[in-house]
Each structure stands twice: as structure tokens, then as C-alpha cells.
Amino acid sequence: MNTIPQPQPAQVPILSKKAKLKWNLKRNWPLHLLVLPAVILVFIFQYLPLPGLVMAFQKFKPYLGFTNSPWVGLEQFQKLIDFPESRQVIVNTFIIASIKIVFHLIVPFVFALLLNELRIIWYKRVVQTFVYLPHFLSWVILGGILIDLLSTDGGLINQFLTSVFGIEPVFFLGSGNWFRFTVVVSDVWKDFGFSTIVFLAALAGIDPSLYEAAFMDGANRYQQVVYITIPSLIPITIVVGTLSLGNILNAGFDQIFNLYNPLVYEKGDIIDTYVYRVGLISGDFGFGTAVGMFKSIISFILIIASYRMAYRFANYRIF
């Protein structure tokens, strides 16, 4: 009896690392060429300036340059710890950034749940479009709009509060606590629509058979949300929350720079704006570099910790 010969599995040659690299470049050279401009820009603007970090250990004078400026060791970092102003700036940054992170989790999460329950498709798309739009506006534009809206002298918001509730005009951008409130609310309003995309993508990945089985068992819409939708969003919420820890020292330079003023420096000044004022405006380049380097080191540690936590609690890996 003749037997039909079975196809033999293809033999994959074992290549050396050098041969694998050569084969990868030959096969994927269009992709490497596509990413090359971005790599060049990152190298120019992120890596070439790194030797300038030596200013953090010098009393840098531009006319003396890096080589002739006097070396002061860790004196700039000691000044960072000793100055009450710099300590307050670090506290402000942690407070503002932490509140932003919390609300940037809660608001998109809740909004995605509500949007997911809409059954009128065209209305759902219109709502999505409108809440996405503010994300694409610059803080230069929004800052000017907010300054006009929140002004105590004819601002639309204060006019509304006075005419409807009969209260005195609120100095939103001139009082420290109100400034923090304004910064958080305006930032969440600007970006929560864009942040919702992550949660909507997670909702789209939920198996529809789960809802069908729950419906057959008599579960109503509220019970389906509580026992299926919300638990399905918990893993991505953990990932987003843990990865946000790396940005806890980024309280939003663009926003605060366009909104703040000397009246709110005590509670509204953050590390980035402080570096700008001290390093560039006041000309203390060494101290400004030390503050920025301190922020970078802490941020790097937090990013590594957040990636570890995301892998441990949500089995999420970036690389």
C-alpha cells in the first residue's frame, strides 16, 4: 500500500546575531527609514544637550563657559534643599500633579461608562467629537480665554455667580487655593475626552456573550454595568494609574505658565515654571539646572517603579 508522503516542516536556519541584524535591516529598511527623522530629532534635542548638566555642579557664568566656570560640587543641590521657596515648589508640584492624576482617572472612567450606555449612534459620535476638541487647542489660546472668562472685572463666570447666586466676584487666578482648583478643573475639562479613548477601547474589547448570558439570567442594565463592565475596566485602570506615577512631577508647564502670576507663586508655582524663572529669567543657570536634574532623577525612578507595578498588578509590559 502506497502511503502519501507527509510534508516536512521547513528547516529554519540558525543565524548568528550579526546575521539576524543584517536580515532584519534588509527586510524592514523602509520602517527604519520612516522612524529615522524622529530618532535624529530626539538625538539633537534630548541627547546633545546632556553635557550641559555639568552646570548643576558649577556656578555657571556664560562668559566663562563650561570649562572655566567655578566648580561648586553639590552646593546647588544643598541650596535646593535649604531654600523654603524651592521646597514649596516641590510640594506644589506633587499636590497639583497628584490631584490631576486622580481626576484624569475618575472622570474619563465615568464618562466612558456613560457614553457606552448611549444607544443613539449619531448622538454618541457627536458627543465624542465635542469632548475631544479641547484637547487639540493650545494652552496659549485657552489661557487667554480663561483669563477673560474668570476675570473679576466683567468676566462671564463671575457675572453669572453674582447675578444668580448673589456672591462677590471670585479671584480665581489671584488666590492660591482657587488657582489650584482652576488649574485642575480646566486641565481635566481639556483632556478628559481624549483620555476616554483608552477606556472606550477597553469597553470595545469586552466579550458580548457576557452581556447576553447576563441578560438571559435576568440582569438589568445597571447590574450588567456593575458586574461585567466595571470589572472588565479594572485592569486598564490599574495600568493607566500606575503609568501616571511617572508624571507626578509634571504638573503642566504650558497651562500654569499661561495662567499664573506673582500673586499665586506660593501655591501655584511648580518645578518647571520655577526652573524657567530662576534659570532663564534670573540668570542663575547652575541652580536652575540642579532643580531640573533633581526632577529628572525622581521622575526616572518613578517611571521604573510604575512599569514594575503595572507588570505586577496588571501583567502589562511595555518592553
C-alpha atoms as a PDB file:
ATOM      1  CA  MET A   1       0.000   0.000   0.000  1.00  0.00           C
ATOM      2  CA  ASN A   2       1.405   3.288  -1.035  1.00  0.00           C
ATOM      3  CA  THR A   3       1.494   5.910   1.655  1.00  0.00           C
ATOM      4  CA  ILE A   4       1.123   9.598   0.957  1.00  0.00           C
ATOM      5  CA  PRO A   5       4.336  11.367   1.907  1.00  0.00           C
ATOM      6  CA  GLN A   6       3.811  13.908   4.673  1.00  0.00           C
ATOM      7  CA  PRO A   7       5.213  17.397   4.173  1.00  0.00           C
ATOM      8  CA  GLN A   8       8.257  18.033   6.250  1.00  0.00           C
ATOM      9  CA  PRO A   9       8.419  21.207   8.352  1.00  0.00           C
ATOM     10  CA  ALA A  10      10.609  23.893   6.864  1.00  0.00           C
ATOM     11  CA  GLN A  11      14.039  23.997   8.332  1.00  0.00           C
ATOM     12  CA  VAL A  12      14.713  27.432   9.798  1.00  0.00           C
ATOM     13  CA  PRO A  13      18.413  28.177   9.658  1.00  0.00           C
ATOM     14  CA  ILE A  14      20.033  29.237  12.900  1.00  0.00           C
ATOM     15  CA  LEU A  15      21.550  32.656  12.336  1.00  0.00           C
ATOM     16  CA  SER A  16      24.131  34.493  14.322  1.00  0.00           C
ATOM     17  CA  LYS A  17      23.262  37.812  15.952  1.00  0.00           C
ATOM     18  CA  LYS A  18      25.108  39.689  13.228  1.00  0.00           C
ATOM     19  CA  ALA A  19      23.266  37.782  10.502  1.00  0.00           C
ATOM     20  CA  LYS A  20      19.906  38.352  12.231  1.00  0.00           C
ATOM     21  CA  LEU A  21      20.590  42.080  12.416  1.00  0.00           C
ATOM     22  CA  LYS A  22      21.560  42.173   8.739  1.00  0.00           C
ATOM     23  CA  TRP A  23      18.450  40.190   7.771  1.00  0.00           C
ATOM     24  CA  ASN A  24      16.219  42.474   9.863  1.00  0.00           C
ATOM     25  CA  LEU A  25      17.663  45.636   8.299  1.00  0.00           C
ATOM     26  CA  LYS A  26      17.287  44.200   4.794  1.00  0.00           C
ATOM     27  CA  ARG A  27      13.669  43.218   5.396  1.00  0.00           C
ATOM     28  CA  ASN A  28      12.486  46.236   7.384  1.00  0.00           C
ATOM     29  CA  TRP A  29      14.614  49.071   5.981  1.00  0.00           C
ATOM     30  CA  PRO A  30      11.522  51.148   4.940  1.00  0.00           C
ATOM     31  CA  LEU A  31      10.328  51.148   8.564  1.00  0.00           C
ATOM     32  CA  HIS A  32      13.763  52.135   9.835  1.00  0.00           C
ATOM     33  CA  LEU A  33      13.886  54.919   7.259  1.00  0.00           C
ATOM     34  CA  LEU A  34      10.449  56.111   8.357  1.00  0.00           C
ATOM     35  CA  VAL A  35      11.498  56.406  12.005  1.00  0.00           C
ATOM     36  CA  LEU A  36      14.906  57.944  11.222  1.00  0.00           C
ATOM     37  CA  PRO A  37      13.759  61.634  11.302  1.00  0.00           C
ATOM     38  CA  ALA A  38      12.216  61.148  14.759  1.00  0.00           C
ATOM     39  CA  VAL A  39      15.403  59.478  16.014  1.00  0.00           C
ATOM     40  CA  ILE A  40      17.502  62.366  14.691  1.00  0.00           C
ATOM     41  CA  LEU A  41      15.262  64.953  16.375  1.00  0.00           C
ATOM     42  CA  VAL A  42      15.358  63.085  19.693  1.00  0.00           C
ATOM     43  CA  PHE A  43      19.144  62.841  19.470  1.00  0.00           C
ATOM     44  CA  ILE A  44      19.537  66.555  18.717  1.00  0.00           C
ATOM     45  CA  PHE A  45      17.137  67.907  21.323  1.00  0.00           C
ATOM     46  CA  GLN A  46      17.400  65.251  24.055  1.00  0.00           C
ATOM     47  CA  TYR A  47      20.915  63.794  23.986  1.00  0.00           C
ATOM     48  CA  LEU A  48      23.191  66.505  22.594  1.00  0.00           C
ATOM     49  CA  PRO A  49      22.270  68.949  25.429  1.00  0.00           C
ATOM     50  CA  LEU A  50      23.133  66.369  28.141  1.00  0.00           C
ATOM     51  CA  PRO A  51      26.696  67.693  28.696  1.00  0.00           C
ATOM     52  CA  GLY A  52      25.008  70.890  29.900  1.00  0.00           C
ATOM     53  CA  LEU A  53      24.081  69.045  33.105  1.00  0.00           C
ATOM     54  CA  VAL A  54      27.567  69.912  34.325  1.00  0.00           C
ATOM     55  CA  MET A  55      26.122  73.371  35.107  1.00  0.00           C
ATOM     56  CA  ALA A  56      24.333  71.798  38.096  1.00  0.00           C
ATOM     57  CA  PHE A  57      27.750  71.372  39.734  1.00  0.00           C
ATOM     58  CA  GLN A  58      29.118  74.792  38.780  1.00  0.00           C
ATOM     59  CA  LYS A  59      28.445  78.439  39.446  1.00  0.00           C
ATOM     60  CA  PHE A  60      27.993  78.798  35.740  1.00  0.00           C
ATOM     61  CA  LYS A  61      28.847  82.049  34.008  1.00  0.00           C
ATOM     62  CA  PRO A  62      28.096  82.206  30.264  1.00  0.00           C
ATOM     63  CA  TYR A  63      31.168  84.315  29.517  1.00  0.00           C
ATOM     64  CA  LEU A  64      33.401  81.725  31.257  1.00  0.00           C
ATOM     65  CA  GLY A  65      31.827  78.672  29.638  1.00  0.00           C
ATOM     66  CA  PHE A  66      31.746  75.112  30.960  1.00  0.00           C
ATOM     67  CA  THR A  67      35.497  74.777  31.343  1.00  0.00           C
ATOM     68  CA  ASN A  68      36.268  77.963  33.284  1.00  0.00           C
ATOM     69  CA  SER A  69      33.169  78.355  35.453  1.00  0.00           C
ATOM     70  CA  PRO A  70      33.975  77.675  39.135  1.00  0.00           C
ATOM     71  CA  TRP A  71      33.153  74.192  40.388  1.00  0.00           C
ATOM     72  CA  VAL A  72      30.861  74.117  43.457  1.00  0.00           C
ATOM     73  CA  GLY A  73      30.088  70.393  43.734  1.00  0.00           C
ATOM     74  CA  LEU A  74      26.719  69.687  45.386  1.00  0.00           C
ATOM     75  CA  GLU A  75      26.225  73.247  46.605  1.00  0.00           C
ATOM     76  CA  GLN A  76      23.337  73.882  44.186  1.00  0.00           C
ATOM     77  CA  PHE A  77      21.513  70.776  45.392  1.00  0.00           C
ATOM     78  CA  GLN A  78      22.086  71.812  49.011  1.00  0.00           C
ATOM     79  CA  LYS A  79      20.564  75.184  48.146  1.00  0.00           C
ATOM     80  CA  LEU A  80      17.575  73.359  46.658  1.00  0.00           C
ATOM     81  CA  ILE A  81      17.018  71.563  49.979  1.00  0.00           C
ATOM     82  CA  ASP A  82      17.665  74.612  52.180  1.00  0.00           C
ATOM     83  CA  PHE A  83      15.574  77.202  50.321  1.00  0.00           C
ATOM     84  CA  PRO A  84      11.967  77.307  51.651  1.00  0.00           C
ATOM     85  CA  GLU A  85      10.862  78.602  48.247  1.00  0.00           C
ATOM     86  CA  SER A  86      12.232  75.591  46.362  1.00  0.00           C
ATOM     87  CA  ARG A  87      10.755  73.157  48.894  1.00  0.00           C
ATOM     88  CA  GLN A  88       7.358  74.815  48.492  1.00  0.00           C
ATOM     89  CA  VAL A  89       7.652  74.488  44.717  1.00  0.00           C
ATOM     90  CA  ILE A  90       8.216  70.728  45.035  1.00  0.00           C
ATOM     91  CA  VAL A  91       5.207  70.427  47.363  1.00  0.00           C
ATOM     92  CA  ASN A  92       3.056  72.440  44.932  1.00  0.00           C
ATOM     93  CA  THR A  93       4.093  70.174  42.075  1.00  0.00           C
ATOM     94  CA  PHE A  94       3.210  67.000  43.982  1.00  0.00           C
ATOM     95  CA  ILE A  95      -0.165  68.372  45.086  1.00  0.00           C
ATOM     96  CA  ILE A  96      -1.278  69.695  41.701  1.00  0.00           C
ATOM     97  CA  ALA A  97       0.021  66.697  39.738  1.00  0.00           C
ATOM     98  CA  SER A  98      -1.485  64.158  42.192  1.00  0.00           C
ATOM     99  CA  ILE A  99      -4.940  65.758  42.039  1.00  0.00           C
ATOM    100  CA  LYS A 100      -4.729  65.875  38.241  1.00  0.00           C
ATOM    101  CA  ILE A 101      -3.794  62.181  38.059  1.00  0.00           C
ATOM    102  CA  VAL A 102      -6.722  61.173  40.291  1.00  0.00           C
ATOM    103  CA  PHE A 103      -9.300  63.158  38.339  1.00  0.00           C
ATOM    104  CA  HIS A 104      -7.810  62.126  34.992  1.00  0.00           C
ATOM    105  CA  LEU A 105      -8.630  58.573  36.045  1.00  0.00           C
ATOM    106  CA  ILE A 106     -12.063  59.117  37.577  1.00  0.00           C
ATOM    107  CA  VAL A 107     -13.624  61.482  35.027  1.00  0.00           C
ATOM    108  CA  PRO A 108     -12.709  59.534  31.816  1.00  0.00           C
ATOM    109  CA  PHE A 109     -13.670  56.264  33.532  1.00  0.00           C
ATOM    110  CA  VAL A 110     -17.147  57.522  34.464  1.00  0.00           C
ATOM    111  CA  PHE A 111     -17.638  59.322  31.152  1.00  0.00           C
ATOM    112  CA  ALA A 112     -16.717  56.193  29.175  1.00  0.00           C
ATOM    113  CA  LEU A 113     -19.279  54.192  31.143  1.00  0.00           C
ATOM    114  CA  LEU A 114     -21.997  56.761  30.462  1.00  0.00           C
ATOM    115  CA  LEU A 115     -21.071  57.102  26.799  1.00  0.00           C
ATOM    116  CA  ASN A 116     -21.089  53.346  26.377  1.00  0.00           C
ATOM    117  CA  GLU A 117     -24.704  53.212  27.513  1.00  0.00           C
ATOM    118  CA  LEU A 118     -25.909  55.533  24.740  1.00  0.00           C
ATOM    119  CA  ARG A 119     -27.825  53.655  22.081  1.00  0.00           C
ATOM    120  CA  ILE A 120     -28.285  56.507  19.567  1.00  0.00           C
ATOM    121  CA  ILE A 121     -25.127  56.111  17.484  1.00  0.00           C
ATOM    122  CA  TRP A 122     -25.126  59.538  15.785  1.00  0.00           C
ATOM    123  CA  TYR A 123     -25.651  61.316  19.098  1.00  0.00           C
ATOM    124  CA  LYS A 124     -22.856  59.268  20.676  1.00  0.00           C
ATOM    125  CA  ARG A 125     -20.456  60.272  17.902  1.00  0.00           C
ATOM    126  CA  VAL A 126     -21.398  63.945  18.184  1.00  0.00           C
ATOM    127  CA  VAL A 127     -20.739  63.889  21.934  1.00  0.00           C
ATOM    128  CA  GLN A 128     -17.390  62.151  21.401  1.00  0.00           C
ATOM    129  CA  THR A 129     -16.333  64.757  18.846  1.00  0.00           C
ATOM    130  CA  PHE A 130     -17.228  67.703  21.059  1.00  0.00           C
ATOM    131  CA  VAL A 131     -15.416  66.398  24.122  1.00  0.00           C
ATOM    132  CA  TYR A 132     -12.296  65.561  22.069  1.00  0.00           C
ATOM    133  CA  LEU A 133     -11.967  69.047  20.539  1.00  0.00           C
ATOM    134  CA  PRO A 134     -10.495  70.937  23.555  1.00  0.00           C
ATOM    135  CA  HIS A 135      -7.517  68.542  23.635  1.00  0.00           C
ATOM    136  CA  PHE A 136      -6.268  69.944  20.328  1.00  0.00           C
ATOM    137  CA  LEU A 137      -6.335  73.579  21.488  1.00  0.00           C
ATOM    138  CA  SER A 138      -3.122  75.182  22.715  1.00  0.00           C
ATOM    139  CA  TRP A 139      -2.893  76.458  26.293  1.00  0.00           C
ATOM    140  CA  VAL A 140      -1.862  79.791  24.811  1.00  0.00           C
ATOM    141  CA  ILE A 141      -5.363  80.066  23.337  1.00  0.00           C
ATOM    142  CA  LEU A 142      -7.200  78.523  26.273  1.00  0.00           C
ATOM    143  CA  GLY A 143      -5.187  80.571  28.753  1.00  0.00           C
ATOM    144  CA  GLY A 144      -6.349  83.814  27.127  1.00  0.00           C
ATOM    145  CA  ILE A 145      -9.944  82.574  27.060  1.00  0.00           C
ATOM    146  CA  LEU A 146      -9.872  81.547  30.732  1.00  0.00           C
ATOM    147  CA  ILE A 147      -8.304  84.840  31.817  1.00  0.00           C
ATOM    148  CA  ASP A 148     -11.204  86.691  30.159  1.00  0.00           C
ATOM    149  CA  LEU A 149     -13.893  84.316  31.454  1.00  0.00           C
ATOM    150  CA  LEU A 150     -12.618  84.291  35.053  1.00  0.00           C
ATOM    151  CA  SER A 151     -11.797  87.982  35.332  1.00  0.00           C
ATOM    152  CA  THR A 152     -13.256  89.762  38.361  1.00  0.00           C
ATOM    153  CA  ASP A 153     -13.892  92.799  36.174  1.00  0.00           C
ATOM    154  CA  GLY A 154     -16.600  91.746  33.759  1.00  0.00           C
ATOM    155  CA  GLY A 155     -15.686  88.060  33.446  1.00  0.00           C
ATOM    156  CA  LEU A 156     -18.594  85.890  32.295  1.00  0.00           C
ATOM    157  CA  ILE A 157     -18.241  83.365  35.143  1.00  0.00           C
ATOM    158  CA  ASN A 158     -18.191  85.997  37.874  1.00  0.00           C
ATOM    159  CA  GLN A 159     -21.099  87.838  36.271  1.00  0.00           C
ATOM    160  CA  PHE A 160     -23.096  84.601  36.370  1.00  0.00           C
ATOM    161  CA  LEU A 161     -22.175  83.893  40.021  1.00  0.00           C
ATOM    162  CA  THR A 162     -23.085  87.432  41.039  1.00  0.00           C
ATOM    163  CA  SER A 163     -26.389  87.612  39.176  1.00  0.00           C
ATOM    164  CA  VAL A 164     -27.637  84.094  40.001  1.00  0.00           C
ATOM    165  CA  PHE A 165     -26.221  83.422  43.474  1.00  0.00           C
ATOM    166  CA  GLY A 166     -25.568  86.969  44.630  1.00  0.00           C
ATOM    167  CA  ILE A 167     -21.987  86.283  45.754  1.00  0.00           C
ATOM    168  CA  GLU A 168     -18.984  88.528  45.431  1.00  0.00           C
ATOM    169  CA  PRO A 169     -16.655  88.012  42.427  1.00  0.00           C
ATOM    170  CA  VAL A 170     -14.176  85.180  42.999  1.00  0.00           C
ATOM    171  CA  PHE A 171     -10.497  85.864  42.300  1.00  0.00           C
ATOM    172  CA  PHE A 172      -9.912  82.536  40.522  1.00  0.00           C
ATOM    173  CA  LEU A 173      -6.472  83.421  39.158  1.00  0.00           C
ATOM    174  CA  GLY A 174      -5.300  85.586  42.047  1.00  0.00           C
ATOM    175  CA  SER A 175      -5.954  83.377  45.084  1.00  0.00           C
ATOM    176  CA  GLY A 176      -3.704  80.370  45.702  1.00  0.00           C
ATOM    177  CA  ASN A 177      -6.395  77.802  46.582  1.00  0.00           C
ATOM    178  CA  TRP A 178      -8.753  78.990  43.836  1.00  0.00           C
ATOM    179  CA  PHE A 179      -5.856  78.917  41.383  1.00  0.00           C
ATOM    180  CA  ARG A 180      -5.175  75.240  42.130  1.00  0.00           C
ATOM    181  CA  PHE A 181      -8.887  74.488  41.738  1.00  0.00           C
ATOM    182  CA  THR A 182      -8.989  76.351  38.414  1.00  0.00           C
ATOM    183  CA  VAL A 183      -5.877  74.596  37.133  1.00  0.00           C
ATOM    184  CA  VAL A 184      -7.204  71.118  37.915  1.00  0.00           C
ATOM    185  CA  VAL A 185     -10.727  71.708  36.591  1.00  0.00           C
ATOM    186  CA  SER A 186      -9.575  73.363  33.367  1.00  0.00           C
ATOM    187  CA  ASP A 187      -6.965  70.643  32.714  1.00  0.00           C
ATOM    188  CA  VAL A 188      -9.482  67.844  33.255  1.00  0.00           C
ATOM    189  CA  TRP A 189     -12.009  69.624  31.028  1.00  0.00           C
ATOM    190  CA  LYS A 190      -9.404  69.977  28.271  1.00  0.00           C
ATOM    191  CA  ASP A 191      -8.099  66.396  28.234  1.00  0.00           C
ATOM    192  CA  PHE A 192     -10.726  64.045  29.682  1.00  0.00           C
ATOM    193  CA  GLY A 193     -12.346  63.484  26.280  1.00  0.00           C
ATOM    194  CA  PHE A 194      -9.074  62.341  24.755  1.00  0.00           C
ATOM    195  CA  SER A 195      -8.249  60.192  27.796  1.00  0.00           C
ATOM    196  CA  THR A 196     -11.633  58.491  27.386  1.00  0.00           C
ATOM    197  CA  ILE A 197     -10.352  56.796  24.213  1.00  0.00           C
ATOM    198  CA  VAL A 198      -8.361  54.287  26.280  1.00  0.00           C
ATOM    199  CA  PHE A 199     -11.406  53.224  28.275  1.00  0.00           C
ATOM    200  CA  LEU A 200     -13.664  53.100  25.204  1.00  0.00           C
ATOM    201  CA  ALA A 201     -11.127  50.814  23.530  1.00  0.00           C
ATOM    202  CA  ALA A 202     -11.211  48.546  26.596  1.00  0.00           C
ATOM    203  CA  LEU A 203     -15.019  48.554  26.508  1.00  0.00           C
ATOM    204  CA  ALA A 204     -14.979  47.549  22.838  1.00  0.00           C
ATOM    205  CA  GLY A 205     -12.882  44.514  23.769  1.00  0.00           C
ATOM    206  CA  ILE A 206     -15.417  43.070  26.227  1.00  0.00           C
ATOM    207  CA  ASP A 207     -16.927  39.801  25.000  1.00  0.00           C
ATOM    208  CA  PRO A 208     -20.592  40.487  24.007  1.00  0.00           C
ATOM    209  CA  SER A 209     -21.527  36.961  25.080  1.00  0.00           C
ATOM    210  CA  LEU A 210     -21.032  38.034  28.691  1.00  0.00           C
ATOM    211  CA  TYR A 211     -23.824  40.583  28.348  1.00  0.00           C
ATOM    212  CA  GLU A 212     -26.006  38.072  26.519  1.00  0.00           C
ATOM    213  CA  ALA A 213     -25.547  35.499  29.270  1.00  0.00           C
ATOM    214  CA  ALA A 214     -26.263  38.111  31.944  1.00  0.00           C
ATOM    215  CA  PHE A 215     -29.427  39.213  30.073  1.00  0.00           C
ATOM    216  CA  MET A 216     -30.628  35.613  29.853  1.00  0.00           C
ATOM    217  CA  ASP A 217     -30.114  35.314  33.612  1.00  0.00           C
ATOM    218  CA  GLY A 218     -32.326  38.357  34.184  1.00  0.00           C
ATOM    219  CA  ALA A 219     -29.669  41.025  34.835  1.00  0.00           C
ATOM    220  CA  ASN A 220     -30.757  44.573  34.030  1.00  0.00           C
ATOM    221  CA  ARG A 221     -28.534  47.277  32.529  1.00  0.00           C
ATOM    222  CA  TYR A 222     -27.362  48.538  35.897  1.00  0.00           C
ATOM    223  CA  GLN A 223     -26.385  45.039  37.040  1.00  0.00           C
ATOM    224  CA  GLN A 224     -24.544  44.398  33.769  1.00  0.00           C
ATOM    225  CA  VAL A 225     -22.519  47.565  34.272  1.00  0.00           C
ATOM    226  CA  VAL A 226     -21.711  46.721  37.892  1.00  0.00           C
ATOM    227  CA  TYR A 227     -20.822  43.053  37.420  1.00  0.00           C
ATOM    228  CA  ILE A 228     -19.406  42.992  33.856  1.00  0.00           C
ATOM    229  CA  THR A 229     -18.381  46.422  32.543  1.00  0.00           C
ATOM    230  CA  ILE A 230     -16.677  47.854  35.614  1.00  0.00           C
ATOM    231  CA  PRO A 231     -14.680  44.676  36.466  1.00  0.00           C
ATOM    232  CA  SER A 232     -13.556  44.490  32.836  1.00  0.00           C
ATOM    233  CA  LEU A 233     -12.199  48.052  33.049  1.00  0.00           C
ATOM    234  CA  ILE A 234     -10.265  47.496  36.279  1.00  0.00           C
ATOM    235  CA  PRO A 235      -7.072  46.093  34.612  1.00  0.00           C
ATOM    236  CA  ILE A 236      -6.700  49.012  32.171  1.00  0.00           C
ATOM    237  CA  THR A 237      -7.474  51.431  35.016  1.00  0.00           C
ATOM    238  CA  ILE A 238      -4.636  49.922  37.049  1.00  0.00           C
ATOM    239  CA  VAL A 239      -2.286  50.234  34.065  1.00  0.00           C
ATOM    240  CA  VAL A 240      -3.203  53.869  33.391  1.00  0.00           C
ATOM    241  CA  GLY A 241      -2.985  54.742  37.087  1.00  0.00           C
ATOM    242  CA  THR A 242       0.402  53.144  37.674  1.00  0.00           C
ATOM    243  CA  LEU A 243       1.930  54.563  34.496  1.00  0.00           C
ATOM    244  CA  SER A 244       0.675  58.007  35.538  1.00  0.00           C
ATOM    245  CA  LEU A 245       3.001  57.886  38.542  1.00  0.00           C
ATOM    246  CA  GLY A 246       5.886  58.689  36.227  1.00  0.00           C
ATOM    247  CA  ASN A 247       4.259  62.057  35.508  1.00  0.00           C
ATOM    248  CA  ILE A 248       3.695  63.041  39.114  1.00  0.00           C
ATOM    249  CA  LEU A 249       6.345  65.775  38.793  1.00  0.00           C
ATOM    250  CA  ASN A 250       4.834  67.071  35.534  1.00  0.00           C
ATOM    251  CA  ALA A 251       2.067  69.381  36.700  1.00  0.00           C
ATOM    252  CA  GLY A 252       1.675  71.086  33.319  1.00  0.00           C
ATOM    253  CA  PHE A 253       4.146  73.831  32.431  1.00  0.00           C
ATOM    254  CA  ASP A 254       2.180  75.158  29.435  1.00  0.00           C
ATOM    255  CA  GLN A 255      -1.019  75.552  31.405  1.00  0.00           C
ATOM    256  CA  ILE A 256       0.408  77.128  34.547  1.00  0.00           C
ATOM    257  CA  PHE A 257       2.834  79.372  32.653  1.00  0.00           C
ATOM    258  CA  ASN A 258      -0.085  80.884  30.726  1.00  0.00           C
ATOM    259  CA  LEU A 259      -2.326  81.287  33.797  1.00  0.00           C
ATOM    260  CA  TYR A 260      -0.187  82.098  36.821  1.00  0.00           C
ATOM    261  CA  ASN A 261       1.074  85.424  38.156  1.00  0.00           C
ATOM    262  CA  PRO A 262       3.145  86.612  41.168  1.00  0.00           C
ATOM    263  CA  LEU A 263       0.040  86.558  43.394  1.00  0.00           C
ATOM    264  CA  VAL A 264      -0.167  82.745  43.231  1.00  0.00           C
ATOM    265  CA  TYR A 265       3.542  81.813  43.249  1.00  0.00           C
ATOM    266  CA  GLU A 266       3.210  80.457  46.807  1.00  0.00           C
ATOM    267  CA  LYS A 267       0.660  77.759  45.877  1.00  0.00           C
ATOM    268  CA  GLY A 268       0.741  77.717  42.088  1.00  0.00           C
ATOM    269  CA  ASP A 269       4.430  77.711  41.177  1.00  0.00           C
ATOM    270  CA  ILE A 270       5.692  74.281  40.035  1.00  0.00           C
ATOM    271  CA  ILE A 271       9.153  72.899  39.316  1.00  0.00           C
ATOM    272  CA  ASP A 272       9.079  73.646  35.573  1.00  0.00           C
ATOM    273  CA  THR A 273       7.945  77.258  35.953  1.00  0.00           C
ATOM    274  CA  TYR A 274      10.387  77.732  38.835  1.00  0.00           C
ATOM    275  CA  VAL A 275      13.275  76.488  36.668  1.00  0.00           C
ATOM    276  CA  TYR A 276      12.191  78.882  33.926  1.00  0.00           C
ATOM    277  CA  ARG A 277      12.065  81.878  36.268  1.00  0.00           C
ATOM    278  CA  VAL A 278      15.254  81.074  38.193  1.00  0.00           C
ATOM    279  CA  GLY A 279      17.350  79.675  35.355  1.00  0.00           C
ATOM    280  CA  LEU A 280      16.375  81.820  32.380  1.00  0.00           C
ATOM    281  CA  ILE A 281      14.819  84.983  33.782  1.00  0.00           C
ATOM    282  CA  SER A 282      17.078  85.474  36.834  1.00  0.00           C
ATOM    283  CA  GLY A 283      20.161  84.050  35.119  1.00  0.00           C
ATOM    284  CA  ASP A 284      21.037  81.505  37.846  1.00  0.00           C
ATOM    285  CA  PHE A 285      21.767  78.769  35.323  1.00  0.00           C
ATOM    286  CA  GLY A 286      23.517  76.425  37.767  1.00  0.00           C
ATOM    287  CA  PHE A 287      20.675  76.386  40.280  1.00  0.00           C
ATOM    288  CA  GLY A 288      18.038  76.076  37.563  1.00  0.00           C
ATOM    289  CA  THR A 289      19.883  73.102  36.088  1.00  0.00           C
ATOM    290  CA  ALA A 290      20.159  71.483  39.532  1.00  0.00           C
ATOM    291  CA  VAL A 291      16.403  71.796  40.087  1.00  0.00           C
ATOM    292  CA  GLY A 292      15.662  70.346  36.649  1.00  0.00           C
ATOM    293  CA  MET A 293      18.147  67.494  37.191  1.00  0.00           C
ATOM    294  CA  PHE A 294      16.556  66.704  40.557  1.00  0.00           C
ATOM    295  CA  LYS A 295      13.162  66.456  38.868  1.00  0.00           C
ATOM    296  CA  SER A 296      14.527  64.216  36.098  1.00  0.00           C
ATOM    297  CA  ILE A 297      16.119  61.772  38.558  1.00  0.00           C
ATOM    298  CA  ILE A 298      12.955  61.476  40.665  1.00  0.00           C
ATOM    299  CA  SER A 299      10.804  61.109  37.537  1.00  0.00           C
ATOM    300  CA  PHE A 300      13.074  58.364  36.192  1.00  0.00           C
ATOM    301  CA  ILE A 301      12.787  56.423  39.463  1.00  0.00           C
ATOM    302  CA  LEU A 302       9.005  56.810  39.463  1.00  0.00           C
ATOM    303  CA  ILE A 303       8.728  55.672  35.831  1.00  0.00           C
ATOM    304  CA  ILE A 304      10.711  52.491  36.550  1.00  0.00           C
ATOM    305  CA  ALA A 305       8.600  51.852  39.671  1.00  0.00           C
ATOM    306  CA  SER A 306       5.338  52.424  37.771  1.00  0.00           C
ATOM    307  CA  TYR A 307       6.354  49.995  34.996  1.00  0.00           C
ATOM    308  CA  ARG A 308       7.179  47.380  37.637  1.00  0.00           C
ATOM    309  CA  MET A 309       3.829  47.927  39.330  1.00  0.00           C
ATOM    310  CA  ALA A 310       1.935  47.760  36.024  1.00  0.00           C
ATOM    311  CA  TYR A 311       3.564  44.402  35.268  1.00  0.00           C
ATOM    312  CA  ARG A 312       2.959  43.042  38.753  1.00  0.00           C
ATOM    313  CA  PHE A 313      -0.667  44.098  39.220  1.00  0.00           C
ATOM    314  CA  ALA A 314      -1.971  44.098  35.625  1.00  0.00           C
ATOM    315  CA  ASN A 315       0.529  41.874  33.770  1.00  0.00           C
ATOM    316  CA  TYR A 316       1.283  44.794  31.444  1.00  0.00           C
ATOM    317  CA  ARG A 317       4.691  45.168  29.836  1.00  0.00           C
ATOM    318  CA  ILE A 318       5.950  47.887  27.509  1.00  0.00           C
ATOM    319  CA  PHE A 319       9.360  46.338  26.842  1.00  0.00           C
END
